[in-house]
Amino acid sequence: MNVDFAIARFDRFLRTVAAPSTAASRPLSLPQESPLEDAQRIHAAGLMRVNHAGEVSAQALYEGQLLFARTDEMRVALGAAAAEERDHLAWTQARLTELKAAPSLLNPFWYAGAFAMGALSGALGDKASASFLKATENQVEAHLSSHLETLPIDDARSRAIVAAMREDEAAHAQTAVTLGAIDPPAPIRGLMALAAKVMTKTAYRL
């Protein structure tokens, strides 16, 4: 690993965790803000904090996988997906600001854990990396669907962001299939689900 590469990876970490941008390459056309009761705003903020933490993790996951990607096809696919996830990061950051809420205090921890998992899956080869990506995106898609069920009906802005993110995540999972992804063994899927549950429960409040 050369110095320039290491610096670029550290720069990505800082941009993701310390100074995330609210400027997306694909700005969303969102509905006008509707008044929310305090309880609704706090709940919506908690869910969007979880989603923001998930996007921090997504950046780290792709960075880890890119370290060991074997083929140009895999590198291009991961790079394109990471770019879309950076839009998600910007969308959720902007919405947290609108809801007068802060990102998760544990974002550096989420980043480190996801980077390690991405690097491990990448080190096992492109097929393993694609399989891990598919399982992750399927899990995130289901998680976003559950948020659409519990977000306040009046919070049309958050709902529009989550719906757009879910559409992208489904596309990323399909891309992983074209790269040779298979379903990981049940024990691995169980560990992934447990890790996701810990993150979502914690990031909702912290």
N, C-alpha and C. Protein backbone atom coordinates (compact mmCIF):
# COMPACT_ATOMS: atom_id res chain seq x y z
N MET A 1 0.85 -1.19 0.00
CA MET A 1 0.00 0.00 0.00
C MET A 1 0.89 1.24 0.00
N ASN A 2 0.79 2.10 -1.04
CA ASN A 2 1.64 3.26 -1.09
C ASN A 2 1.07 4.40 -0.24
N VAL A 3 1.90 5.42 -0.03
CA VAL A 3 1.51 6.52 0.86
C VAL A 3 0.30 7.28 0.31
N ASP A 4 0.31 7.55 -1.00
CA ASP A 4 -0.81 8.29 -1.60
C ASP A 4 -2.13 7.55 -1.41
N PHE A 5 -2.09 6.23 -1.57
CA PHE A 5 -3.31 5.43 -1.41
C PHE A 5 -3.79 5.51 0.03
N ALA A 6 -2.86 5.39 0.99
CA ALA A 6 -3.24 5.45 2.40
C ALA A 6 -3.83 6.81 2.75
N ILE A 7 -3.22 7.88 2.21
CA ILE A 7 -3.73 9.23 2.46
C ILE A 7 -5.14 9.38 1.91
N ALA A 8 -5.38 8.83 0.70
CA ALA A 8 -6.71 8.92 0.08
C ALA A 8 -7.75 8.20 0.93
N ARG A 9 -7.37 7.04 1.50
CA ARG A 9 -8.31 6.30 2.33
C ARG A 9 -8.62 7.07 3.63
N PHE A 10 -7.59 7.68 4.21
CA PHE A 10 -7.80 8.45 5.44
C PHE A 10 -8.64 9.69 5.15
N ASP A 11 -8.42 10.30 4.00
CA ASP A 11 -9.22 11.46 3.60
C ASP A 11 -10.68 11.08 3.45
N ARG A 12 -10.95 9.91 2.87
CA ARG A 12 -12.32 9.45 2.73
C ARG A 12 -12.96 9.23 4.10
N PHE A 13 -12.19 8.68 5.03
CA PHE A 13 -12.68 8.48 6.40
C PHE A 13 -13.08 9.82 7.02
N LEU A 14 -12.21 10.82 6.91
CA LEU A 14 -12.50 12.12 7.50
C LEU A 14 -13.71 12.77 6.85
N ARG A 15 -13.81 12.69 5.53
CA ARG A 15 -14.93 13.31 4.83
C ARG A 15 -16.25 12.64 5.19
N THR A 16 -16.19 11.36 5.50
CA THR A 16 -17.41 10.62 5.84
C THR A 16 -17.84 10.84 7.27
N VAL A 17 -16.89 10.80 8.19
CA VAL A 17 -17.21 10.83 9.61
C VAL A 17 -17.17 12.23 10.20
N ALA A 18 -16.14 13.01 9.84
CA ALA A 18 -15.95 14.30 10.49
C ALA A 18 -16.62 15.46 9.78
N ALA A 19 -16.69 15.38 8.46
CA ALA A 19 -17.24 16.53 7.71
C ALA A 19 -18.07 16.07 6.52
N PRO A 20 -19.16 15.32 6.77
CA PRO A 20 -19.99 14.87 5.65
C PRO A 20 -20.65 16.03 4.93
N SER A 21 -20.70 15.96 3.63
CA SER A 21 -21.29 17.02 2.82
C SER A 21 -22.80 16.85 2.74
N THR A 22 -23.50 17.98 2.63
CA THR A 22 -24.95 17.91 2.40
C THR A 22 -25.28 18.17 0.93
N ALA A 23 -24.23 18.27 0.10
CA ALA A 23 -24.42 18.49 -1.34
C ALA A 23 -24.32 17.15 -2.07
N ALA A 24 -25.43 16.69 -2.62
CA ALA A 24 -25.46 15.41 -3.32
C ALA A 24 -25.29 15.63 -4.82
N SER A 25 -24.73 14.65 -5.50
CA SER A 25 -24.61 14.73 -6.95
C SER A 25 -25.96 14.54 -7.62
N ARG A 26 -26.92 13.97 -6.88
CA ARG A 26 -28.28 13.77 -7.38
C ARG A 26 -29.25 14.42 -6.38
N PRO A 27 -29.43 15.70 -6.44
CA PRO A 27 -30.36 16.35 -5.51
C PRO A 27 -31.77 15.80 -5.67
N LEU A 28 -32.42 15.57 -4.54
CA LEU A 28 -33.80 15.08 -4.57
C LEU A 28 -34.79 16.25 -4.60
N SER A 29 -35.88 16.05 -5.32
CA SER A 29 -36.98 17.01 -5.27
C SER A 29 -37.93 16.53 -4.17
N LEU A 30 -37.89 17.23 -3.05
CA LEU A 30 -38.63 16.77 -1.88
C LEU A 30 -39.88 17.59 -1.65
N PRO A 31 -40.89 16.99 -1.03
CA PRO A 31 -42.11 17.74 -0.68
C PRO A 31 -41.78 18.84 0.33
N GLN A 32 -42.68 19.79 0.45
CA GLN A 32 -42.50 20.84 1.44
C GLN A 32 -42.57 20.26 2.85
N GLU A 33 -41.88 20.93 3.75
CA GLU A 33 -41.89 20.50 5.15
C GLU A 33 -43.29 20.63 5.74
N SER A 34 -43.70 19.62 6.50
CA SER A 34 -44.98 19.67 7.21
C SER A 34 -44.70 19.76 8.70
N PRO A 35 -45.53 20.46 9.44
CA PRO A 35 -45.32 20.56 10.89
C PRO A 35 -45.39 19.18 11.54
N LEU A 36 -44.45 18.92 12.44
CA LEU A 36 -44.43 17.66 13.17
C LEU A 36 -44.51 17.95 14.66
N GLU A 37 -45.23 17.11 15.37
CA GLU A 37 -45.22 17.20 16.83
C GLU A 37 -43.84 16.79 17.33
N ASP A 38 -43.52 17.20 18.54
CA ASP A 38 -42.18 16.92 19.08
C ASP A 38 -41.86 15.43 19.06
N ALA A 39 -42.82 14.62 19.47
CA ALA A 39 -42.59 13.17 19.51
C ALA A 39 -42.35 12.62 18.11
N GLN A 40 -43.08 13.14 17.13
CA GLN A 40 -42.88 12.70 15.75
C GLN A 40 -41.50 13.10 15.23
N ARG A 41 -41.12 14.33 15.54
CA ARG A 41 -39.81 14.82 15.08
C ARG A 41 -38.68 14.01 15.70
N ILE A 42 -38.79 13.72 16.98
CA ILE A 42 -37.74 12.96 17.67
C ILE A 42 -37.65 11.55 17.09
N HIS A 43 -38.81 10.93 16.81
CA HIS A 43 -38.80 9.58 16.24
C HIS A 43 -38.21 9.59 14.83
N ALA A 44 -38.63 10.56 14.01
CA ALA A 44 -38.10 10.66 12.65
C ALA A 44 -36.60 10.91 12.69
N ALA A 45 -36.15 11.76 13.60
CA ALA A 45 -34.71 12.03 13.72
C ALA A 45 -33.95 10.79 14.11
N GLY A 46 -34.52 10.00 15.01
CA GLY A 46 -33.86 8.75 15.41
C GLY A 46 -33.69 7.80 14.24
N LEU A 47 -34.75 7.68 13.44
CA LEU A 47 -34.68 6.79 12.27
C LEU A 47 -33.69 7.31 11.23
N MET A 48 -33.69 8.62 11.00
CA MET A 48 -32.75 9.18 10.03
C MET A 48 -31.31 9.13 10.54
N ARG A 49 -31.13 9.17 11.85
CA ARG A 49 -29.79 9.00 12.42
C ARG A 49 -29.30 7.57 12.15
N VAL A 50 -30.19 6.62 12.29
CA VAL A 50 -29.85 5.23 11.98
C VAL A 50 -29.46 5.11 10.51
N ASN A 51 -30.25 5.73 9.64
CA ASN A 51 -29.97 5.65 8.20
C ASN A 51 -28.65 6.33 7.86
N HIS A 52 -28.37 7.46 8.51
CA HIS A 52 -27.10 8.14 8.29
C HIS A 52 -25.93 7.26 8.74
N ALA A 53 -26.07 6.63 9.90
CA ALA A 53 -25.03 5.73 10.38
C ALA A 53 -24.83 4.56 9.41
N GLY A 54 -25.94 4.10 8.83
CA GLY A 54 -25.84 3.04 7.84
C GLY A 54 -25.07 3.48 6.61
N GLU A 55 -25.24 4.73 6.22
CA GLU A 55 -24.52 5.24 5.05
C GLU A 55 -23.05 5.47 5.36
N VAL A 56 -22.73 5.85 6.59
CA VAL A 56 -21.33 5.92 7.01
C VAL A 56 -20.71 4.53 6.89
N SER A 57 -21.44 3.53 7.37
CA SER A 57 -20.96 2.15 7.29
C SER A 57 -20.81 1.70 5.84
N ALA A 58 -21.73 2.12 4.98
CA ALA A 58 -21.66 1.73 3.58
C ALA A 58 -20.39 2.26 2.92
N GLN A 59 -20.03 3.51 3.23
CA GLN A 59 -18.80 4.06 2.68
C GLN A 59 -17.59 3.24 3.11
N ALA A 60 -17.57 2.87 4.39
CA ALA A 60 -16.46 2.07 4.90
C ALA A 60 -16.44 0.68 4.29
N LEU A 61 -17.61 0.09 4.13
CA LEU A 61 -17.70 -1.24 3.54
C LEU A 61 -17.10 -1.26 2.14
N TYR A 62 -17.49 -0.31 1.32
CA TYR A 62 -16.97 -0.26 -0.05
C TYR A 62 -15.48 0.03 -0.07
N GLU A 63 -15.02 0.91 0.82
CA GLU A 63 -13.58 1.19 0.88
C GLU A 63 -12.80 -0.08 1.21
N GLY A 64 -13.31 -0.86 2.16
CA GLY A 64 -12.65 -2.11 2.53
C GLY A 64 -12.66 -3.12 1.39
N GLN A 65 -13.78 -3.23 0.69
CA GLN A 65 -13.87 -4.17 -0.42
C GLN A 65 -12.96 -3.76 -1.58
N LEU A 66 -12.86 -2.46 -1.83
CA LEU A 66 -12.03 -1.97 -2.93
C LEU A 66 -10.55 -2.26 -2.71
N LEU A 67 -10.14 -2.42 -1.46
CA LEU A 67 -8.74 -2.74 -1.18
C LEU A 67 -8.31 -4.03 -1.86
N PHE A 68 -9.25 -4.98 -1.97
CA PHE A 68 -8.90 -6.31 -2.46
C PHE A 68 -9.62 -6.72 -3.74
N ALA A 69 -10.35 -5.80 -4.36
CA ALA A 69 -11.07 -6.13 -5.59
C ALA A 69 -10.08 -6.63 -6.65
N ARG A 70 -10.40 -7.78 -7.26
CA ARG A 70 -9.47 -8.41 -8.21
C ARG A 70 -9.63 -7.88 -9.64
N THR A 71 -10.85 -7.57 -10.03
CA THR A 71 -11.10 -7.25 -11.43
C THR A 71 -11.57 -5.81 -11.59
N ASP A 72 -11.38 -5.29 -12.80
CA ASP A 72 -11.87 -3.95 -13.10
C ASP A 72 -13.39 -3.89 -12.97
N GLU A 73 -14.06 -4.96 -13.36
CA GLU A 73 -15.52 -5.00 -13.28
C GLU A 73 -15.99 -4.80 -11.84
N MET A 74 -15.32 -5.47 -10.91
CA MET A 74 -15.68 -5.33 -9.50
C MET A 74 -15.37 -3.93 -9.00
N ARG A 75 -14.21 -3.41 -9.36
CA ARG A 75 -13.83 -2.07 -8.91
C ARG A 75 -14.80 -1.01 -9.44
N VAL A 76 -15.20 -1.13 -10.71
CA VAL A 76 -16.13 -0.16 -11.29
C VAL A 76 -17.49 -0.24 -10.59
N ALA A 77 -17.96 -1.46 -10.35
CA ALA A 77 -19.27 -1.65 -9.71
C ALA A 77 -19.27 -1.10 -8.29
N LEU A 78 -18.21 -1.39 -7.54
CA LEU A 78 -18.12 -0.89 -6.16
C LEU A 78 -18.01 0.63 -6.13
N GLY A 79 -17.24 1.19 -7.07
CA GLY A 79 -17.08 2.63 -7.12
C GLY A 79 -18.39 3.34 -7.44
N ALA A 80 -19.15 2.77 -8.38
CA ALA A 80 -20.43 3.38 -8.75
C ALA A 80 -21.42 3.31 -7.60
N ALA A 81 -21.46 2.16 -6.92
CA ALA A 81 -22.37 2.02 -5.77
C ALA A 81 -21.96 2.96 -4.65
N ALA A 82 -20.67 3.09 -4.41
CA ALA A 82 -20.19 3.98 -3.35
C ALA A 82 -20.59 5.42 -3.62
N ALA A 83 -20.54 5.82 -4.90
CA ALA A 83 -20.93 7.19 -5.26
C ALA A 83 -22.40 7.43 -4.94
N GLU A 84 -23.26 6.46 -5.23
CA GLU A 84 -24.68 6.61 -4.91
C GLU A 84 -24.89 6.64 -3.39
N GLU A 85 -24.10 5.83 -2.67
CA GLU A 85 -24.22 5.84 -1.21
C GLU A 85 -23.78 7.19 -0.63
N ARG A 86 -22.84 7.87 -1.30
CA ARG A 86 -22.46 9.21 -0.82
C ARG A 86 -23.61 10.19 -0.97
N ASP A 87 -24.45 9.99 -2.00
CA ASP A 87 -25.67 10.80 -2.10
C ASP A 87 -26.58 10.52 -0.91
N HIS A 88 -26.72 9.25 -0.57
CA HIS A 88 -27.55 8.89 0.59
C HIS A 88 -27.02 9.57 1.86
N LEU A 89 -25.69 9.57 1.99
CA LEU A 89 -25.07 10.20 3.15
C LEU A 89 -25.43 11.69 3.20
N ALA A 90 -25.36 12.34 2.05
CA ALA A 90 -25.71 13.77 1.98
C ALA A 90 -27.18 14.00 2.27
N TRP A 91 -28.05 13.16 1.71
CA TRP A 91 -29.49 13.32 1.91
C TRP A 91 -29.84 13.19 3.39
N THR A 92 -29.29 12.14 4.04
CA THR A 92 -29.63 11.91 5.45
C THR A 92 -29.01 12.97 6.35
N GLN A 93 -27.81 13.43 6.01
CA GLN A 93 -27.19 14.51 6.79
C GLN A 93 -28.04 15.78 6.72
N ALA A 94 -28.49 16.13 5.52
CA ALA A 94 -29.31 17.32 5.35
C ALA A 94 -30.62 17.19 6.12
N ARG A 95 -31.21 16.01 6.07
CA ARG A 95 -32.49 15.82 6.77
C ARG A 95 -32.31 15.88 8.28
N LEU A 96 -31.21 15.34 8.80
CA LEU A 96 -30.95 15.46 10.23
C LEU A 96 -30.85 16.92 10.65
N THR A 97 -30.21 17.72 9.82
CA THR A 97 -30.09 19.15 10.12
C THR A 97 -31.47 19.80 10.16
N GLU A 98 -32.32 19.45 9.19
CA GLU A 98 -33.68 20.00 9.17
C GLU A 98 -34.47 19.59 10.41
N LEU A 99 -34.21 18.38 10.90
CA LEU A 99 -34.92 17.88 12.08
C LEU A 99 -34.27 18.32 13.38
N LYS A 100 -33.23 19.17 13.25
CA LYS A 100 -32.51 19.69 14.42
C LYS A 100 -31.92 18.56 15.26
N ALA A 101 -31.30 17.61 14.55
CA ALA A 101 -30.71 16.44 15.21
C ALA A 101 -29.28 16.24 14.73
N ALA A 102 -28.50 15.54 15.53
CA ALA A 102 -27.09 15.30 15.22
C ALA A 102 -26.90 13.85 14.75
N PRO A 103 -25.84 13.62 13.98
CA PRO A 103 -25.51 12.24 13.58
C PRO A 103 -25.12 11.41 14.81
N SER A 104 -24.97 10.12 14.60
CA SER A 104 -24.58 9.22 15.69
C SER A 104 -23.20 9.58 16.23
N LEU A 105 -23.07 9.60 17.54
CA LEU A 105 -21.77 9.85 18.17
C LEU A 105 -20.79 8.72 17.90
N LEU A 106 -21.31 7.57 17.52
CA LEU A 106 -20.48 6.38 17.33
C LEU A 106 -20.11 6.15 15.88
N ASN A 107 -20.27 7.16 15.03
CA ASN A 107 -19.96 6.97 13.61
C ASN A 107 -18.54 6.47 13.35
N PRO A 108 -17.51 6.95 14.08
CA PRO A 108 -16.18 6.39 13.85
C PRO A 108 -16.12 4.88 14.12
N PHE A 109 -16.87 4.44 15.13
CA PHE A 109 -16.92 3.01 15.45
C PHE A 109 -17.62 2.23 14.34
N TRP A 110 -18.76 2.77 13.86
CA TRP A 110 -19.48 2.08 12.77
C TRP A 110 -18.58 2.00 11.53
N TYR A 111 -17.85 3.07 11.25
CA TYR A 111 -16.97 3.08 10.08
C TYR A 111 -15.89 2.01 10.21
N ALA A 112 -15.24 1.96 11.37
CA ALA A 112 -14.15 0.99 11.57
C ALA A 112 -14.64 -0.45 11.44
N GLY A 113 -15.78 -0.74 12.04
CA GLY A 113 -16.31 -2.10 11.96
C GLY A 113 -16.68 -2.51 10.55
N ALA A 114 -17.34 -1.59 9.83
CA ALA A 114 -17.75 -1.90 8.46
C ALA A 114 -16.53 -2.02 7.53
N PHE A 115 -15.52 -1.18 7.75
CA PHE A 115 -14.31 -1.27 6.94
C PHE A 115 -13.66 -2.64 7.12
N ALA A 116 -13.58 -3.10 8.35
CA ALA A 116 -12.98 -4.41 8.62
C ALA A 116 -13.76 -5.52 7.94
N MET A 117 -15.10 -5.47 8.00
CA MET A 117 -15.91 -6.50 7.36
C MET A 117 -15.77 -6.45 5.84
N GLY A 118 -15.71 -5.23 5.28
CA GLY A 118 -15.53 -5.10 3.84
C GLY A 118 -14.19 -5.64 3.39
N ALA A 119 -13.14 -5.32 4.15
CA ALA A 119 -11.81 -5.80 3.80
C ALA A 119 -11.74 -7.32 3.89
N LEU A 120 -12.35 -7.88 4.92
CA LEU A 120 -12.34 -9.34 5.07
C LEU A 120 -13.05 -10.02 3.92
N SER A 121 -14.24 -9.52 3.57
CA SER A 121 -14.98 -10.14 2.46
C SER A 121 -14.21 -9.97 1.15
N GLY A 122 -13.57 -8.81 0.96
CA GLY A 122 -12.80 -8.59 -0.25
C GLY A 122 -11.59 -9.51 -0.33
N ALA A 123 -10.94 -9.74 0.81
CA ALA A 123 -9.76 -10.61 0.83
C ALA A 123 -10.11 -12.04 0.47
N LEU A 124 -11.35 -12.43 0.66
CA LEU A 124 -11.78 -13.80 0.33
C LEU A 124 -12.06 -13.98 -1.16
N GLY A 125 -12.01 -12.89 -1.92
CA GLY A 125 -12.22 -12.97 -3.36
C GLY A 125 -13.45 -12.21 -3.81
N ASP A 126 -13.52 -11.95 -5.11
CA ASP A 126 -14.60 -11.13 -5.65
C ASP A 126 -15.98 -11.77 -5.45
N LYS A 127 -16.04 -13.10 -5.56
CA LYS A 127 -17.35 -13.76 -5.38
C LYS A 127 -17.84 -13.60 -3.95
N ALA A 128 -16.93 -13.79 -2.99
CA ALA A 128 -17.31 -13.61 -1.58
C ALA A 128 -17.69 -12.16 -1.32
N SER A 129 -16.95 -11.24 -1.93
CA SER A 129 -17.24 -9.82 -1.75
C SER A 129 -18.62 -9.47 -2.31
N ALA A 130 -18.92 -9.99 -3.50
CA ALA A 130 -20.23 -9.74 -4.11
C ALA A 130 -21.34 -10.35 -3.27
N SER A 131 -21.09 -11.53 -2.72
CA SER A 131 -22.10 -12.21 -1.90
C SER A 131 -22.38 -11.44 -0.63
N PHE A 132 -21.32 -10.92 -0.01
CA PHE A 132 -21.50 -10.10 1.20
C PHE A 132 -22.24 -8.82 0.87
N LEU A 133 -21.92 -8.24 -0.28
CA LEU A 133 -22.60 -7.02 -0.71
C LEU A 133 -24.10 -7.27 -0.91
N LYS A 134 -24.43 -8.37 -1.58
CA LYS A 134 -25.84 -8.70 -1.83
C LYS A 134 -26.59 -8.88 -0.50
N ALA A 135 -25.99 -9.63 0.41
CA ALA A 135 -26.65 -9.87 1.69
C ALA A 135 -26.85 -8.57 2.46
N THR A 136 -25.84 -7.71 2.40
CA THR A 136 -25.93 -6.42 3.10
C THR A 136 -27.03 -5.55 2.50
N GLU A 137 -27.06 -5.47 1.18
CA GLU A 137 -28.06 -4.61 0.52
C GLU A 137 -29.47 -5.15 0.72
N ASN A 138 -29.63 -6.47 0.71
CA ASN A 138 -30.95 -7.04 0.98
C ASN A 138 -31.42 -6.69 2.39
N GLN A 139 -30.48 -6.74 3.32
CA GLN A 139 -30.78 -6.41 4.71
C GLN A 139 -31.16 -4.94 4.85
N VAL A 140 -30.40 -4.07 4.16
CA VAL A 140 -30.68 -2.63 4.24
C VAL A 140 -32.03 -2.31 3.59
N GLU A 141 -32.31 -2.97 2.46
CA GLU A 141 -33.60 -2.73 1.78
C GLU A 141 -34.76 -3.07 2.71
N ALA A 142 -34.65 -4.20 3.41
CA ALA A 142 -35.72 -4.59 4.34
C ALA A 142 -35.82 -3.60 5.50
N HIS A 143 -34.68 -3.15 5.97
CA HIS A 143 -34.63 -2.18 7.06
C HIS A 143 -35.29 -0.85 6.65
N LEU A 144 -35.04 -0.40 5.43
CA LEU A 144 -35.65 0.84 4.94
C LEU A 144 -37.16 0.67 4.76
N SER A 145 -37.58 -0.50 4.33
CA SER A 145 -39.01 -0.77 4.21
C SER A 145 -39.70 -0.66 5.57
N SER A 146 -39.02 -1.15 6.61
CA SER A 146 -39.60 -1.07 7.95
C SER A 146 -39.69 0.39 8.41
N HIS A 147 -38.75 1.21 7.98
CA HIS A 147 -38.80 2.63 8.35
C HIS A 147 -39.98 3.33 7.67
N LEU A 148 -40.26 2.94 6.44
CA LEU A 148 -41.40 3.54 5.76
C LEU A 148 -42.71 3.21 6.46
N GLU A 149 -42.72 2.11 7.19
CA GLU A 149 -43.92 1.73 7.93
C GLU A 149 -44.07 2.51 9.23
N THR A 150 -42.94 2.99 9.78
CA THR A 150 -43.02 3.63 11.10
C THR A 150 -42.76 5.14 11.09
N LEU A 151 -42.21 5.68 10.00
CA LEU A 151 -42.05 7.12 9.92
C LEU A 151 -43.42 7.80 9.97
N PRO A 152 -43.51 8.95 10.61
CA PRO A 152 -44.80 9.67 10.64
C PRO A 152 -45.33 9.92 9.23
N ILE A 153 -46.60 9.71 9.04
CA ILE A 153 -47.21 9.92 7.73
C ILE A 153 -46.99 11.35 7.26
N ASP A 154 -47.00 12.29 8.19
CA ASP A 154 -46.84 13.70 7.83
C ASP A 154 -45.41 14.07 7.44
N ASP A 155 -44.46 13.18 7.74
CA ASP A 155 -43.06 13.48 7.42
C ASP A 155 -42.74 13.03 6.00
N ALA A 156 -43.30 13.75 5.04
CA ALA A 156 -43.15 13.37 3.64
C ALA A 156 -41.71 13.51 3.16
N ARG A 157 -40.95 14.42 3.73
CA ARG A 157 -39.56 14.62 3.29
C ARG A 157 -38.69 13.41 3.65
N SER A 158 -38.78 12.97 4.90
CA SER A 158 -38.01 11.79 5.30
C SER A 158 -38.45 10.56 4.52
N ARG A 159 -39.74 10.42 4.30
CA ARG A 159 -40.27 9.26 3.59
C ARG A 159 -39.76 9.24 2.14
N ALA A 160 -39.68 10.40 1.51
CA ALA A 160 -39.20 10.46 0.13
C ALA A 160 -37.72 10.07 0.06
N ILE A 161 -36.94 10.50 1.03
CA ILE A 161 -35.52 10.15 1.07
C ILE A 161 -35.35 8.65 1.25
N VAL A 162 -36.08 8.08 2.19
CA VAL A 162 -35.96 6.64 2.45
C VAL A 162 -36.39 5.82 1.24
N ALA A 163 -37.45 6.24 0.57
CA ALA A 163 -37.92 5.52 -0.62
C ALA A 163 -36.87 5.54 -1.72
N ALA A 164 -36.23 6.70 -1.92
CA ALA A 164 -35.19 6.81 -2.95
C ALA A 164 -33.98 5.94 -2.59
N MET A 165 -33.62 5.92 -1.33
CA MET A 165 -32.50 5.09 -0.89
C MET A 165 -32.82 3.61 -1.11
N ARG A 166 -34.04 3.22 -0.77
CA ARG A 166 -34.41 1.81 -0.93
C ARG A 166 -34.31 1.36 -2.38
N GLU A 167 -34.69 2.23 -3.30
CA GLU A 167 -34.61 1.90 -4.72
C GLU A 167 -33.15 1.66 -5.14
N ASP A 168 -32.26 2.51 -4.67
CA ASP A 168 -30.84 2.33 -4.98
C ASP A 168 -30.28 1.05 -4.38
N GLU A 169 -30.65 0.75 -3.14
CA GLU A 169 -30.13 -0.44 -2.47
C GLU A 169 -30.56 -1.71 -3.21
N ALA A 170 -31.78 -1.73 -3.70
CA ALA A 170 -32.26 -2.89 -4.47
C ALA A 170 -31.43 -3.05 -5.74
N ALA A 171 -31.09 -1.94 -6.37
CA ALA A 171 -30.27 -1.99 -7.60
C ALA A 171 -28.87 -2.48 -7.28
N HIS A 172 -28.32 -2.08 -6.15
CA HIS A 172 -26.98 -2.53 -5.77
C HIS A 172 -26.97 -4.04 -5.54
N ALA A 173 -28.02 -4.54 -4.91
CA ALA A 173 -28.12 -5.98 -4.68
C ALA A 173 -28.17 -6.74 -6.01
N GLN A 174 -28.91 -6.19 -6.97
CA GLN A 174 -29.00 -6.83 -8.28
C GLN A 174 -27.65 -6.79 -9.00
N THR A 175 -26.91 -5.71 -8.84
CA THR A 175 -25.57 -5.63 -9.41
C THR A 175 -24.68 -6.72 -8.83
N ALA A 176 -24.80 -6.94 -7.53
CA ALA A 176 -24.01 -7.99 -6.88
C ALA A 176 -24.32 -9.36 -7.48
N VAL A 177 -25.59 -9.60 -7.82
CA VAL A 177 -25.97 -10.87 -8.43
C VAL A 177 -25.28 -11.05 -9.78
N THR A 178 -25.23 -9.97 -10.55
CA THR A 178 -24.57 -10.06 -11.86
C THR A 178 -23.07 -10.29 -11.71
N LEU A 179 -22.52 -9.97 -10.56
CA LEU A 179 -21.09 -10.19 -10.30
C LEU A 179 -20.81 -11.57 -9.70
N GLY A 180 -21.86 -12.39 -9.59
CA GLY A 180 -21.68 -13.76 -9.12
C GLY A 180 -22.03 -14.01 -7.68
N ALA A 181 -22.78 -13.10 -7.07
CA ALA A 181 -23.13 -13.26 -5.66
C ALA A 181 -24.03 -14.47 -5.42
N ILE A 182 -23.81 -15.11 -4.29
CA ILE A 182 -24.69 -16.17 -3.81
C ILE A 182 -25.07 -15.81 -2.38
N ASP A 183 -26.07 -16.49 -1.85
CA ASP A 183 -26.48 -16.23 -0.47
C ASP A 183 -25.45 -16.81 0.49
N PRO A 184 -24.93 -16.01 1.44
CA PRO A 184 -23.99 -16.54 2.42
C PRO A 184 -24.65 -17.61 3.30
N PRO A 185 -23.86 -18.44 3.96
CA PRO A 185 -24.43 -19.43 4.88
C PRO A 185 -25.28 -18.78 5.96
N ALA A 186 -26.24 -19.53 6.47
CA ALA A 186 -27.16 -19.01 7.48
C ALA A 186 -26.45 -18.42 8.70
N PRO A 187 -25.39 -19.07 9.24
CA PRO A 187 -24.72 -18.47 10.41
C PRO A 187 -24.16 -17.08 10.13
N ILE A 188 -23.63 -16.86 8.93
CA ILE A 188 -23.08 -15.55 8.59
C ILE A 188 -24.21 -14.53 8.48
N ARG A 189 -25.33 -14.95 7.85
CA ARG A 189 -26.46 -14.02 7.76
C ARG A 189 -26.98 -13.68 9.14
N GLY A 190 -26.95 -14.66 10.05
CA GLY A 190 -27.40 -14.41 11.41
C GLY A 190 -26.52 -13.41 12.14
N LEU A 191 -25.20 -13.52 11.95
CA LEU A 191 -24.26 -12.58 12.56
C LEU A 191 -24.46 -11.17 11.99
N MET A 192 -24.69 -11.11 10.67
CA MET A 192 -24.93 -9.82 10.04
C MET A 192 -26.19 -9.17 10.59
N ALA A 193 -27.23 -9.97 10.78
CA ALA A 193 -28.49 -9.44 11.31
C ALA A 193 -28.30 -8.95 12.74
N LEU A 194 -27.51 -9.69 13.52
CA LEU A 194 -27.26 -9.29 14.91
C LEU A 194 -26.49 -7.97 14.96
N ALA A 195 -25.45 -7.86 14.11
CA ALA A 195 -24.66 -6.62 14.07
C ALA A 195 -25.54 -5.44 13.66
N ALA A 196 -26.42 -5.66 12.68
CA ALA A 196 -27.31 -4.59 12.22
C ALA A 196 -28.28 -4.18 13.33
N LYS A 197 -28.76 -5.15 14.10
CA LYS A 197 -29.69 -4.84 15.18
C LYS A 197 -29.02 -4.00 16.26
N VAL A 198 -27.77 -4.35 16.58
CA VAL A 198 -27.03 -3.57 17.58
C VAL A 198 -26.85 -2.13 17.11
N MET A 199 -26.47 -1.98 15.82
CA MET A 199 -26.24 -0.63 15.29
C MET A 199 -27.53 0.19 15.29
N THR A 200 -28.62 -0.40 14.80
CA THR A 200 -29.86 0.36 14.69
C THR A 200 -30.40 0.75 16.07
N LYS A 201 -30.33 -0.15 17.02
CA LYS A 201 -30.84 0.17 18.36
C LYS A 201 -30.01 1.26 19.01
N THR A 202 -28.69 1.21 18.80
CA THR A 202 -27.79 2.17 19.44
C THR A 202 -27.85 3.52 18.74
N ALA A 203 -27.73 3.51 17.40
CA ALA A 203 -27.69 4.76 16.65
C ALA A 203 -29.00 5.54 16.75
N TYR A 204 -30.10 4.86 17.00
CA TYR A 204 -31.38 5.56 17.15
C TYR A 204 -31.30 6.59 18.28
N ARG A 205 -30.54 6.28 19.33
CA ARG A 205 -30.45 7.17 20.49
C ARG A 205 -29.12 7.92 20.57
N LEU A 206 -28.08 7.30 20.03
CA LEU A 206 -26.74 7.91 20.14
C LEU A 206 -26.16 8.18 18.76
